[in-house]
Amino acid sequence: QMGGISFLLIEFVKYNEVFLLESDKLIGLYNQSLNGGRKSIPYKYFKDEGHLINKGFKPRIDYLSIVDKIYF
């Protein structure tokens, strides 16, 4: 209603990867878990549904380029 956006940044240290996951996808998973669905989010879900963020030097985690691509 207010035009805001929300998302999560999730880092998998084991794989040295950071993913951006939109909150509507997370809310969908939460609602499924309330109806007897899975209680955890598998790594494969982030690979399939999330957006991989490239790590760099400056900025370290360039999430704004992904946000621009998704929302604007």
PDB file of N, CA and C in Angstrom:
ATOM      1  N   GLN A   1       0.811  -1.192   0.000  1.00  0.00           N
ATOM      2  CA  GLN A   1       0.000   0.000   0.000  1.00  0.00           C
ATOM      3  C   GLN A   1       0.859   1.262   0.000  1.00  0.00           C
ATOM      4  N   MET A   2       1.980   1.211   0.690  1.00  0.00           N
ATOM      5  CA  MET A   2       2.829   2.388   0.820  1.00  0.00           C
ATOM      6  C   MET A   2       3.926   2.450  -0.244  1.00  0.00           C
ATOM      7  N   GLY A   3       4.032   1.392  -1.047  1.00  0.00           N
ATOM      8  CA  GLY A   3       5.040   1.391  -2.097  1.00  0.00           C
ATOM      9  C   GLY A   3       6.417   0.958  -1.639  1.00  0.00           C
ATOM     10  N   GLY A   4       6.515   0.384  -0.444  1.00  0.00           N
ATOM     11  CA  GLY A   4       7.809  -0.066   0.066  1.00  0.00           C
ATOM     12  C   GLY A   4       8.186  -1.433  -0.479  1.00  0.00           C
ATOM     13  N   ILE A   5       9.430  -1.788  -0.295  1.00  0.00           N
ATOM     14  CA  ILE A   5       9.915  -3.107  -0.697  1.00  0.00           C
ATOM     15  C   ILE A   5      10.563  -3.762   0.518  1.00  0.00           C
ATOM     16  N   SER A   6      10.574  -5.095   0.520  1.00  0.00           N
ATOM     17  CA  SER A   6      11.262  -5.809   1.599  1.00  0.00           C
ATOM     18  C   SER A   6      11.863  -7.093   1.052  1.00  0.00           C
ATOM     19  N   PHE A   7      12.985  -7.451   1.609  1.00  0.00           N
ATOM     20  CA  PHE A   7      13.722  -8.617   1.158  1.00  0.00           C
ATOM     21  C   PHE A   7      14.688  -9.033   2.260  1.00  0.00           C
ATOM     22  N   LEU A   8      15.249 -10.221   2.096  1.00  0.00           N
ATOM     23  CA  LEU A   8      16.265 -10.731   3.006  1.00  0.00           C
ATOM     24  C   LEU A   8      17.558 -10.945   2.241  1.00  0.00           C
ATOM     25  N   LEU A   9      18.664 -10.727   2.912  1.00  0.00           N
ATOM     26  CA  LEU A   9      19.965 -11.114   2.391  1.00  0.00           C
ATOM     27  C   LEU A   9      20.434 -12.294   3.225  1.00  0.00           C
ATOM     28  N   ILE A  10      20.674 -13.418   2.582  1.00  0.00           N
ATOM     29  CA  ILE A  10      21.071 -14.637   3.266  1.00  0.00           C
ATOM     30  C   ILE A  10      22.447 -15.037   2.765  1.00  0.00           C
ATOM     31  N   GLU A  11      23.377 -15.251   3.702  1.00  0.00           N
ATOM     32  CA  GLU A  11      24.722 -15.680   3.331  1.00  0.00           C
ATOM     33  C   GLU A  11      24.916 -17.140   3.692  1.00  0.00           C
ATOM     34  N   PHE A  12      25.407 -17.902   2.738  1.00  0.00           N
ATOM     35  CA  PHE A  12      25.805 -19.282   2.967  1.00  0.00           C
ATOM     36  C   PHE A  12      27.326 -19.306   3.028  1.00  0.00           C
ATOM     37  N   VAL A  13      27.852 -19.356   4.239  1.00  0.00           N
ATOM     38  CA  VAL A  13      29.295 -19.291   4.437  1.00  0.00           C
ATOM     39  C   VAL A  13      29.976 -20.498   3.813  1.00  0.00           C
ATOM     40  N   LYS A  14      29.337 -21.652   3.926  1.00  0.00           N
ATOM     41  CA  LYS A  14      29.912 -22.886   3.377  1.00  0.00           C
ATOM     42  C   LYS A  14      30.192 -22.762   1.884  1.00  0.00           C
ATOM     43  N   TYR A  15      29.307 -22.091   1.154  1.00  0.00           N
ATOM     44  CA  TYR A  15      29.444 -21.949  -0.296  1.00  0.00           C
ATOM     45  C   TYR A  15      29.984 -20.580  -0.704  1.00  0.00           C
ATOM     46  N   ASN A  16      30.193 -19.704   0.270  1.00  0.00           N
ATOM     47  CA  ASN A  16      30.675 -18.347   0.020  1.00  0.00           C
ATOM     48  C   ASN A  16      29.763 -17.609  -0.959  1.00  0.00           C
ATOM     49  N   GLU A  17      28.444 -17.691  -0.692  1.00  0.00           N
ATOM     50  CA  GLU A  17      27.452 -17.061  -1.549  1.00  0.00           C
ATOM     51  C   GLU A  17      26.455 -16.266  -0.717  1.00  0.00           C
ATOM     52  N   VAL A  18      25.955 -15.188  -1.310  1.00  0.00           N
ATOM     53  CA  VAL A  18      24.919 -14.373  -0.688  1.00  0.00           C
ATOM     54  C   VAL A  18      23.754 -14.294  -1.665  1.00  0.00           C
ATOM     55  N   PHE A  19      22.540 -14.503  -1.133  1.00  0.00           N
ATOM     56  CA  PHE A  19      21.340 -14.462  -1.959  1.00  0.00           C
ATOM     57  C   PHE A  19      20.390 -13.403  -1.439  1.00  0.00           C
ATOM     58  N   LEU A  20      19.665 -12.785  -2.358  1.00  0.00           N
ATOM     59  CA  LEU A  20      18.572 -11.892  -2.013  1.00  0.00           C
ATOM     60  C   LEU A  20      17.285 -12.677  -2.255  1.00  0.00           C
ATOM     61  N   LEU A  21      16.412 -12.705  -1.250  1.00  0.00           N
ATOM     62  CA  LEU A  21      15.132 -13.389  -1.358  1.00  0.00           C
ATOM     63  C   LEU A  21      14.037 -12.396  -1.036  1.00  0.00           C
ATOM     64  N   GLU A  22      13.108 -12.229  -1.968  1.00  0.00           N
ATOM     65  CA  GLU A  22      12.006 -11.302  -1.754  1.00  0.00           C
ATOM     66  C   GLU A  22      11.103 -11.800  -0.632  1.00  0.00           C
ATOM     67  N   SER A  23      10.572 -10.886   0.139  1.00  0.00           N
ATOM     68  CA  SER A  23       9.790 -11.259   1.318  1.00  0.00           C
ATOM     69  C   SER A  23       8.495 -11.982   0.962  1.00  0.00           C
ATOM     70  N   ASP A  24       7.905 -11.711  -0.206  1.00  0.00           N
ATOM     71  CA  ASP A  24       6.675 -12.425  -0.558  1.00  0.00           C
ATOM     72  C   ASP A  24       6.922 -13.923  -0.724  1.00  0.00           C
ATOM     73  N   LYS A  25       8.100 -14.298  -1.201  1.00  0.00           N
ATOM     74  CA  LYS A  25       8.447 -15.719  -1.296  1.00  0.00           C
ATOM     75  C   LYS A  25       8.630 -16.320   0.098  1.00  0.00           C
ATOM     76  N   LEU A  26       9.243 -15.567   0.992  1.00  0.00           N
ATOM     77  CA  LEU A  26       9.421 -16.035   2.362  1.00  0.00           C
ATOM     78  C   LEU A  26       8.071 -16.187   3.067  1.00  0.00           C
ATOM     79  N   ILE A  27       7.180 -15.255   2.859  1.00  0.00           N
ATOM     80  CA  ILE A  27       5.847 -15.326   3.466  1.00  0.00           C
ATOM     81  C   ILE A  27       5.093 -16.545   2.930  1.00  0.00           C
ATOM     82  N   GLY A  28       5.240 -16.833   1.652  1.00  0.00           N
ATOM     83  CA  GLY A  28       4.622 -18.023   1.075  1.00  0.00           C
ATOM     84  C   GLY A  28       5.130 -19.303   1.723  1.00  0.00           C
ATOM     85  N   LEU A  29       6.438 -19.362   1.951  1.00  0.00           N
ATOM     86  CA  LEU A  29       7.011 -20.530   2.633  1.00  0.00           C
ATOM     87  C   LEU A  29       6.507 -20.640   4.065  1.00  0.00           C
ATOM     88  N   TYR A  30       6.397 -19.518   4.729  1.00  0.00           N
ATOM     89  CA  TYR A  30       5.899 -19.506   6.107  1.00  0.00           C
ATOM     90  C   TYR A  30       4.458 -20.021   6.160  1.00  0.00           C
ATOM     91  N   ASN A  31       3.623 -19.557   5.251  1.00  0.00           N
ATOM     92  CA  ASN A  31       2.232 -20.013   5.210  1.00  0.00           C
ATOM     93  C   ASN A  31       2.145 -21.505   4.922  1.00  0.00           C
ATOM     94  N   GLN A  32       3.014 -22.009   4.053  1.00  0.00           N
ATOM     95  CA  GLN A  32       3.042 -23.453   3.798  1.00  0.00           C
ATOM     96  C   GLN A  32       3.435 -24.230   5.045  1.00  0.00           C
ATOM     97  N   SER A  33       4.382 -23.692   5.827  1.00  0.00           N
ATOM     98  CA  SER A  33       4.811 -24.389   7.035  1.00  0.00           C
ATOM     99  C   SER A  33       3.697 -24.432   8.072  1.00  0.00           C
ATOM    100  N   LEU A  34       2.840 -23.426   8.087  1.00  0.00           N
ATOM    101  CA  LEU A  34       1.704 -23.427   9.020  1.00  0.00           C
ATOM    102  C   LEU A  34       0.691 -24.503   8.655  1.00  0.00           C
ATOM    103  N   ASN A  35       0.656 -24.869   7.371  1.00  0.00           N
ATOM    104  CA  ASN A  35      -0.279 -25.880   6.903  1.00  0.00           C
ATOM    105  C   ASN A  35       0.364 -27.261   6.811  1.00  0.00           C
ATOM    106  N   GLY A  36       1.374 -27.502   7.625  1.00  0.00           N
ATOM    107  CA  GLY A  36       2.013 -28.814   7.665  1.00  0.00           C
ATOM    108  C   GLY A  36       3.164 -28.977   6.698  1.00  0.00           C
ATOM    109  N   GLY A  37       3.596 -27.908   6.079  1.00  0.00           N
ATOM    110  CA  GLY A  37       4.717 -27.970   5.141  1.00  0.00           C
ATOM    111  C   GLY A  37       6.052 -27.989   5.848  1.00  0.00           C
ATOM    112  N   ARG A  38       7.064 -27.895   5.101  1.00  0.00           N
ATOM    113  CA  ARG A  38       8.444 -27.928   5.576  1.00  0.00           C
ATOM    114  C   ARG A  38       8.735 -26.765   6.526  1.00  0.00           C
ATOM    115  N   LYS A  39       9.529 -27.027   7.556  1.00  0.00           N
ATOM    116  CA  LYS A  39       9.857 -26.003   8.555  1.00  0.00           C
ATOM    117  C   LYS A  39      11.189 -25.302   8.285  1.00  0.00           C
ATOM    118  N   SER A  40      11.940 -25.765   7.316  1.00  0.00           N
ATOM    119  CA  SER A  40      13.222 -25.148   6.989  1.00  0.00           C
ATOM    120  C   SER A  40      13.254 -24.821   5.497  1.00  0.00           C
ATOM    121  N   ILE A  41      14.207 -23.990   5.123  1.00  0.00           N
ATOM    122  CA  ILE A  41      14.333 -23.596   3.715  1.00  0.00           C
ATOM    123  C   ILE A  41      15.611 -24.240   3.173  1.00  0.00           C
ATOM    124  N   PRO A  42      15.483 -25.112   2.204  1.00  0.00           N
ATOM    125  CA  PRO A  42      16.681 -25.772   1.664  1.00  0.00           C
ATOM    126  C   PRO A  42      17.522 -24.824   0.805  1.00  0.00           C
ATOM    127  N   TYR A  43      18.794 -25.121   0.729  1.00  0.00           N
ATOM    128  CA  TYR A  43      19.730 -24.341  -0.079  1.00  0.00           C
ATOM    129  C   TYR A  43      19.263 -24.275  -1.536  1.00  0.00           C
ATOM    130  N   LYS A  44      18.744 -25.368  -2.055  1.00  0.00           N
ATOM    131  CA  LYS A  44      18.280 -25.421  -3.446  1.00  0.00           C
ATOM    132  C   LYS A  44      17.193 -24.382  -3.712  1.00  0.00           C
ATOM    133  N   TYR A  45      16.360 -24.092  -2.712  1.00  0.00           N
ATOM    134  CA  TYR A  45      15.319 -23.074  -2.895  1.00  0.00           C
ATOM    135  C   TYR A  45      15.950 -21.706  -3.172  1.00  0.00           C
ATOM    136  N   PHE A  46      17.011 -21.395  -2.459  1.00  0.00           N
ATOM    137  CA  PHE A  46      17.698 -20.120  -2.692  1.00  0.00           C
ATOM    138  C   PHE A  46      18.350 -20.100  -4.070  1.00  0.00           C
ATOM    139  N   LYS A  47      18.908 -21.238  -4.496  1.00  0.00           N
ATOM    140  CA  LYS A  47      19.509 -21.315  -5.822  1.00  0.00           C
ATOM    141  C   LYS A  47      18.463 -21.113  -6.916  1.00  0.00           C
ATOM    142  N   ASP A  48      17.253 -21.671  -6.708  1.00  0.00           N
ATOM    143  CA  ASP A  48      16.199 -21.603  -7.724  1.00  0.00           C
ATOM    144  C   ASP A  48      15.405 -20.303  -7.681  1.00  0.00           C
ATOM    145  N   GLU A  49      15.057 -19.837  -6.497  1.00  0.00           N
ATOM    146  CA  GLU A  49      14.145 -18.700  -6.341  1.00  0.00           C
ATOM    147  C   GLU A  49      14.826 -17.395  -5.926  1.00  0.00           C
ATOM    148  N   GLY A  50      16.012 -17.492  -5.346  1.00  0.00           N
ATOM    149  CA  GLY A  50      16.716 -16.295  -4.890  1.00  0.00           C
ATOM    150  C   GLY A  50      17.559 -15.687  -6.002  1.00  0.00           C
ATOM    151  N   HIS A  51      18.178 -14.593  -5.692  1.00  0.00           N
ATOM    152  CA  HIS A  51      19.044 -13.894  -6.644  1.00  0.00           C
ATOM    153  C   HIS A  51      20.448 -13.853  -6.053  1.00  0.00           C
ATOM    154  N   LEU A  52      21.386 -14.458  -6.752  1.00  0.00           N
ATOM    155  CA  LEU A  52      22.772 -14.493  -6.308  1.00  0.00           C
ATOM    156  C   LEU A  52      23.372 -13.097  -6.400  1.00  0.00           C
ATOM    157  N   ILE A  53      24.031 -12.685  -5.336  1.00  0.00           N
ATOM    158  CA  ILE A  53      24.663 -11.360  -5.291  1.00  0.00           C
ATOM    159  C   ILE A  53      26.162 -11.550  -5.412  1.00  0.00           C
ATOM    160  N   ASN A  54      26.749 -10.847  -6.346  1.00  0.00           N
ATOM    161  CA  ASN A  54      28.196 -10.932  -6.531  1.00  0.00           C
ATOM    162  C   ASN A  54      28.906 -10.180  -5.423  1.00  0.00           C
ATOM    163  N   LYS A  55      29.921 -10.815  -4.871  1.00  0.00           N
ATOM    164  CA  LYS A  55      30.737 -10.153  -3.857  1.00  0.00           C
ATOM    165  C   LYS A  55      31.863  -9.414  -4.554  1.00  0.00           C
ATOM    166  N   GLY A  56      32.267  -8.314  -3.956  1.00  0.00           N
ATOM    167  CA  GLY A  56      33.330  -7.516  -4.537  1.00  0.00           C
ATOM    168  C   GLY A  56      34.140  -6.832  -3.450  1.00  0.00           C
ATOM    169  N   PHE A  57      34.838  -5.800  -3.842  1.00  0.00           N
ATOM    170  CA  PHE A  57      35.647  -5.045  -2.886  1.00  0.00           C
ATOM    171  C   PHE A  57      34.876  -3.830  -2.375  1.00  0.00           C
ATOM    172  N   LYS A  58      34.413  -2.997  -3.302  1.00  0.00           N
ATOM    173  CA  LYS A  58      33.600  -1.836  -2.934  1.00  0.00           C
ATOM    174  C   LYS A  58      32.432  -1.754  -3.891  1.00  0.00           C
ATOM    175  N   PRO A  59      31.247  -1.980  -3.501  1.00  0.00           N
ATOM    176  CA  PRO A  59      30.813  -2.432  -2.180  1.00  0.00           C
ATOM    177  C   PRO A  59      31.053  -3.939  -2.007  1.00  0.00           C
ATOM    178  N   ARG A  60      31.166  -4.353  -0.794  1.00  0.00           N
ATOM    179  CA  ARG A  60      31.444  -5.759  -0.484  1.00  0.00           C
ATOM    180  C   ARG A  60      30.330  -6.674  -0.990  1.00  0.00           C
ATOM    181  N   ILE A  61      29.089  -6.314  -0.692  1.00  0.00           N
ATOM    182  CA  ILE A  61      27.925  -7.064  -1.171  1.00  0.00           C
ATOM    183  C   ILE A  61      27.057  -6.083  -1.947  1.00  0.00           C
ATOM    184  N   ASP A  62      27.095  -6.185  -3.255  1.00  0.00           N
ATOM    185  CA  ASP A  62      26.419  -5.230  -4.133  1.00  0.00           C
ATOM    186  C   ASP A  62      24.962  -5.625  -4.354  1.00  0.00           C
ATOM    187  N   TYR A  63      24.162  -5.494  -3.304  1.00  0.00           N
ATOM    188  CA  TYR A  63      22.761  -5.899  -3.396  1.00  0.00           C
ATOM    189  C   TYR A  63      21.895  -4.856  -4.098  1.00  0.00           C
ATOM    190  N   LEU A  64      22.317  -3.616  -4.149  1.00  0.00           N
ATOM    191  CA  LEU A  64      21.496  -2.572  -4.762  1.00  0.00           C
ATOM    192  C   LEU A  64      21.305  -2.777  -6.264  1.00  0.00           C
ATOM    193  N   SER A  65      22.287  -3.365  -6.934  1.00  0.00           N
ATOM    194  CA  SER A  65      22.115  -3.627  -8.366  1.00  0.00           C
ATOM    195  C   SER A  65      21.021  -4.674  -8.586  1.00  0.00           C
ATOM    196  N   ILE A  66      20.914  -5.660  -7.703  1.00  0.00           N
ATOM    197  CA  ILE A  66      19.854  -6.668  -7.796  1.00  0.00           C
ATOM    198  C   ILE A  66      18.504  -6.033  -7.469  1.00  0.00           C
ATOM    199  N   VAL A  67      18.468  -5.186  -6.451  1.00  0.00           N
ATOM    200  CA  VAL A  67      17.219  -4.505  -6.083  1.00  0.00           C
ATOM    201  C   VAL A  67      16.726  -3.659  -7.248  1.00  0.00           C
ATOM    202  N   ASP A  68      17.620  -2.942  -7.899  1.00  0.00           N
ATOM    203  CA  ASP A  68      17.243  -2.148  -9.075  1.00  0.00           C
ATOM    204  C   ASP A  68      16.661  -3.024 -10.173  1.00  0.00           C
ATOM    205  N   LYS A  69      17.280  -4.177 -10.404  1.00  0.00           N
ATOM    206  CA  LYS A  69      16.834  -5.072 -11.462  1.00  0.00           C
ATOM    207  C   LYS A  69      15.453  -5.671 -11.153  1.00  0.00           C
ATOM    208  N   ILE A  70      15.203  -6.001  -9.887  1.00  0.00           N
ATOM    209  CA  ILE A  70      13.947  -6.651  -9.510  1.00  0.00           C
ATOM    210  C   ILE A  70      12.792  -5.651  -9.402  1.00  0.00           C
ATOM    211  N   TYR A  71      13.020  -4.557  -8.716  1.00  0.00           N
ATOM    212  CA  TYR A  71      11.929  -3.668  -8.342  1.00  0.00           C
ATOM    213  C   TYR A  71      11.775  -2.429  -9.217  1.00  0.00           C
ATOM    214  N   PHE A  72      12.819  -2.015  -9.924  1.00  0.00           N
ATOM    215  CA  PHE A  72      12.724  -0.739 -10.640  1.00  0.00           C
ATOM    216  C   PHE A  72      12.997  -0.860 -12.103  1.00  0.00           C
TER     217      PHE A  72
END
